[in-house]
Amino acid sequence: MGKNYELELYKLLINPEEDDIDIQYVEEFGWVSNTEFYVWINLNWFNEFVKRLNDIFGYSLFDEGGIEARICSDCVCIDLEEVISGYGVDLEEVFPRSKYTH
């Protein structure tokens, strides 16, 4: 049985540590346009977030030169829709635009 990418992404963004609900890797996330789903990752948790992305999608996620990101003073922002575009994940199914518009 293959991984359920949608479920794994949901857990990563909403509740990354099942044993400690107070831990949040992500500061904010949501659709900023029809094609862009931004995730603002707390700098303190950035390495763990990247490790979990590797666990979910494998190292091929970083082929073709890595992931484009915006570095802010206290977070790193990525377009998750672009990052996972080759994996057949329907982010809108997991995070509907009607509920998760930023």
C-alpha atoms as a PDB file:
ATOM      1  CA  MET A   1       0.000   0.000   0.000  1.00  0.00           C
ATOM      2  CA  GLY A   2       1.379   3.406  -0.999  1.00  0.00           C
ATOM      3  CA  LYS A   3       1.558   6.460   1.156  1.00  0.00           C
ATOM      4  CA  ASN A   4      -1.451   8.689   1.493  1.00  0.00           C
ATOM      5  CA  TYR A   5       0.322  11.938   0.598  1.00  0.00           C
ATOM      6  CA  GLU A   6      -2.713  14.066   1.382  1.00  0.00           C
ATOM      7  CA  LEU A   7      -3.065  12.643   4.891  1.00  0.00           C
ATOM      8  CA  GLU A   8       0.652  12.962   5.582  1.00  0.00           C
ATOM      9  CA  LEU A   9       0.669  16.604   4.440  1.00  0.00           C
ATOM     10  CA  TYR A  10      -2.378  17.351   6.560  1.00  0.00           C
ATOM     11  CA  LYS A  11      -0.666  15.930   9.632  1.00  0.00           C
ATOM     12  CA  LEU A  12       2.560  17.803   8.837  1.00  0.00           C
ATOM     13  CA  LEU A  13       0.799  21.156   8.618  1.00  0.00           C
ATOM     14  CA  ILE A  14      -1.867  20.711  11.290  1.00  0.00           C
ATOM     15  CA  ASN A  15      -0.423  18.365  13.923  1.00  0.00           C
ATOM     16  CA  PRO A  16       3.161  17.274  13.188  1.00  0.00           C
ATOM     17  CA  GLU A  17       3.836  15.749  16.609  1.00  0.00           C
ATOM     18  CA  GLU A  18       1.008  13.480  17.723  1.00  0.00           C
ATOM     19  CA  ASP A  19       2.410  13.285  21.252  1.00  0.00           C
ATOM     20  CA  ASP A  20       2.579  17.067  21.705  1.00  0.00           C
ATOM     21  CA  ILE A  21      -0.236  19.094  20.168  1.00  0.00           C
ATOM     22  CA  ASP A  22       1.474  22.362  21.142  1.00  0.00           C
ATOM     23  CA  ILE A  23       4.260  21.837  18.592  1.00  0.00           C
ATOM     24  CA  GLN A  24       3.578  23.556  15.283  1.00  0.00           C
ATOM     25  CA  TYR A  25       6.182  23.576  12.502  1.00  0.00           C
ATOM     26  CA  VAL A  26       4.093  25.944  10.413  1.00  0.00           C
ATOM     27  CA  GLU A  27       3.171  29.502  11.384  1.00  0.00           C
ATOM     28  CA  GLU A  28       0.609  30.055   8.617  1.00  0.00           C
ATOM     29  CA  PHE A  29      -0.531  28.423   5.407  1.00  0.00           C
ATOM     30  CA  GLY A  30      -3.130  28.907   2.725  1.00  0.00           C
ATOM     31  CA  TRP A  31      -4.027  29.650  -0.856  1.00  0.00           C
ATOM     32  CA  VAL A  32      -2.671  33.036  -1.925  1.00  0.00           C
ATOM     33  CA  SER A  33      -3.909  32.606  -5.509  1.00  0.00           C
ATOM     34  CA  ASN A  34      -5.605  29.943  -7.621  1.00  0.00           C
ATOM     35  CA  THR A  35      -2.308  28.137  -8.135  1.00  0.00           C
ATOM     36  CA  GLU A  36      -0.164  29.017  -5.102  1.00  0.00           C
ATOM     37  CA  PHE A  37      -0.442  27.451  -1.645  1.00  0.00           C
ATOM     38  CA  TYR A  38       2.063  29.130   0.649  1.00  0.00           C
ATOM     39  CA  VAL A  39       3.398  27.637   3.850  1.00  0.00           C
ATOM     40  CA  TRP A  40       5.298  29.765   6.371  1.00  0.00           C
ATOM     41  CA  ILE A  41       7.593  27.440   8.327  1.00  0.00           C
ATOM     42  CA  ASN A  42       8.953  28.528  11.691  1.00  0.00           C
ATOM     43  CA  LEU A  43      12.759  28.776  11.542  1.00  0.00           C
ATOM     44  CA  ASN A  44      13.056  26.779  14.760  1.00  0.00           C
ATOM     45  CA  TRP A  45      11.312  23.841  13.093  1.00  0.00           C
ATOM     46  CA  PHE A  46      12.566  24.229   9.520  1.00  0.00           C
ATOM     47  CA  ASN A  47      15.009  21.298   9.607  1.00  0.00           C
ATOM     48  CA  GLU A  48      12.372  18.992  11.060  1.00  0.00           C
ATOM     49  CA  PHE A  49       9.838  20.144   8.451  1.00  0.00           C
ATOM     50  CA  VAL A  50      12.275  19.361   5.621  1.00  0.00           C
ATOM     51  CA  LYS A  51      13.083  15.981   7.179  1.00  0.00           C
ATOM     52  CA  ARG A  52       9.376  15.143   7.314  1.00  0.00           C
ATOM     53  CA  LEU A  53       8.915  16.199   3.672  1.00  0.00           C
ATOM     54  CA  ASN A  54      11.761  13.800   2.822  1.00  0.00           C
ATOM     55  CA  ASP A  55      10.044  11.056   4.802  1.00  0.00           C
ATOM     56  CA  ILE A  56       6.801  11.635   2.905  1.00  0.00           C
ATOM     57  CA  PHE A  57       8.066  12.168  -0.652  1.00  0.00           C
ATOM     58  CA  GLY A  58      11.655  10.945  -0.670  1.00  0.00           C
ATOM     59  CA  TYR A  59      14.804  12.765  -1.680  1.00  0.00           C
ATOM     60  CA  SER A  60      13.605  13.199  -5.261  1.00  0.00           C
ATOM     61  CA  LEU A  61      11.647  16.150  -3.897  1.00  0.00           C
ATOM     62  CA  PHE A  62      14.911  18.089  -4.042  1.00  0.00           C
ATOM     63  CA  ASP A  63      15.920  17.078  -7.563  1.00  0.00           C
ATOM     64  CA  GLU A  64      16.177  19.832 -10.128  1.00  0.00           C
ATOM     65  CA  GLY A  65      17.985  22.239  -7.827  1.00  0.00           C
ATOM     66  CA  GLY A  66      15.970  22.100  -4.629  1.00  0.00           C
ATOM     67  CA  ILE A  67      12.982  24.113  -3.465  1.00  0.00           C
ATOM     68  CA  GLU A  68      12.493  27.816  -4.077  1.00  0.00           C
ATOM     69  CA  ALA A  69      11.857  29.680  -0.847  1.00  0.00           C
ATOM     70  CA  ARG A  70      11.500  33.128   0.634  1.00  0.00           C
ATOM     71  CA  ILE A  71      13.498  33.639   3.795  1.00  0.00           C
ATOM     72  CA  CYS A  72      11.953  35.980   6.341  1.00  0.00           C
ATOM     73  CA  SER A  73      13.242  37.092   9.730  1.00  0.00           C
ATOM     74  CA  ASP A  74      11.491  34.299  11.629  1.00  0.00           C
ATOM     75  CA  CYS A  75      10.246  31.866   8.990  1.00  0.00           C
ATOM     76  CA  VAL A  76      10.788  30.356   5.563  1.00  0.00           C
ATOM     77  CA  CYS A  77       7.975  30.563   3.029  1.00  0.00           C
ATOM     78  CA  ILE A  78       7.483  27.971   0.274  1.00  0.00           C
ATOM     79  CA  ASP A  79       4.834  27.377  -2.366  1.00  0.00           C
ATOM     80  CA  LEU A  80       3.807  23.850  -1.416  1.00  0.00           C
ATOM     81  CA  GLU A  81       1.707  23.459  -4.564  1.00  0.00           C
ATOM     82  CA  GLU A  82       4.829  23.961  -6.681  1.00  0.00           C
ATOM     83  CA  VAL A  83       6.996  21.751  -4.465  1.00  0.00           C
ATOM     84  CA  ILE A  84       4.718  18.715  -4.724  1.00  0.00           C
ATOM     85  CA  SER A  85       3.399  19.300  -8.249  1.00  0.00           C
ATOM     86  CA  GLY A  86       4.882  16.077  -9.620  1.00  0.00           C
ATOM     87  CA  TYR A  87       3.358  13.767  -7.022  1.00  0.00           C
ATOM     88  CA  GLY A  88      -0.315  13.782  -7.996  1.00  0.00           C
ATOM     89  CA  VAL A  89      -1.391  15.422  -4.747  1.00  0.00           C
ATOM     90  CA  ASP A  90      -4.615  17.413  -4.821  1.00  0.00           C
ATOM     91  CA  LEU A  91      -3.968  20.068  -2.184  1.00  0.00           C
ATOM     92  CA  GLU A  92      -7.385  21.589  -2.712  1.00  0.00           C
ATOM     93  CA  GLU A  93      -8.968  18.310  -1.648  1.00  0.00           C
ATOM     94  CA  VAL A  94      -7.102  18.500   1.661  1.00  0.00           C
ATOM     95  CA  PHE A  95      -7.149  22.276   2.077  1.00  0.00           C
ATOM     96  CA  PRO A  96     -10.167  23.693   0.206  1.00  0.00           C
ATOM     97  CA  ARG A  97      -9.722  27.241  -1.085  1.00  0.00           C
ATOM     98  CA  SER A  98     -13.033  28.216   0.506  1.00  0.00           C
ATOM     99  CA  LYS A  99     -11.616  27.488   3.957  1.00  0.00           C
ATOM    100  CA  TYR A 100      -7.858  27.995   3.559  1.00  0.00           C
ATOM    101  CA  THR A 101      -7.508  31.246   1.630  1.00  0.00           C
ATOM    102  CA  HIS A 102      -4.800  33.453   3.028  1.00  0.00           C
END
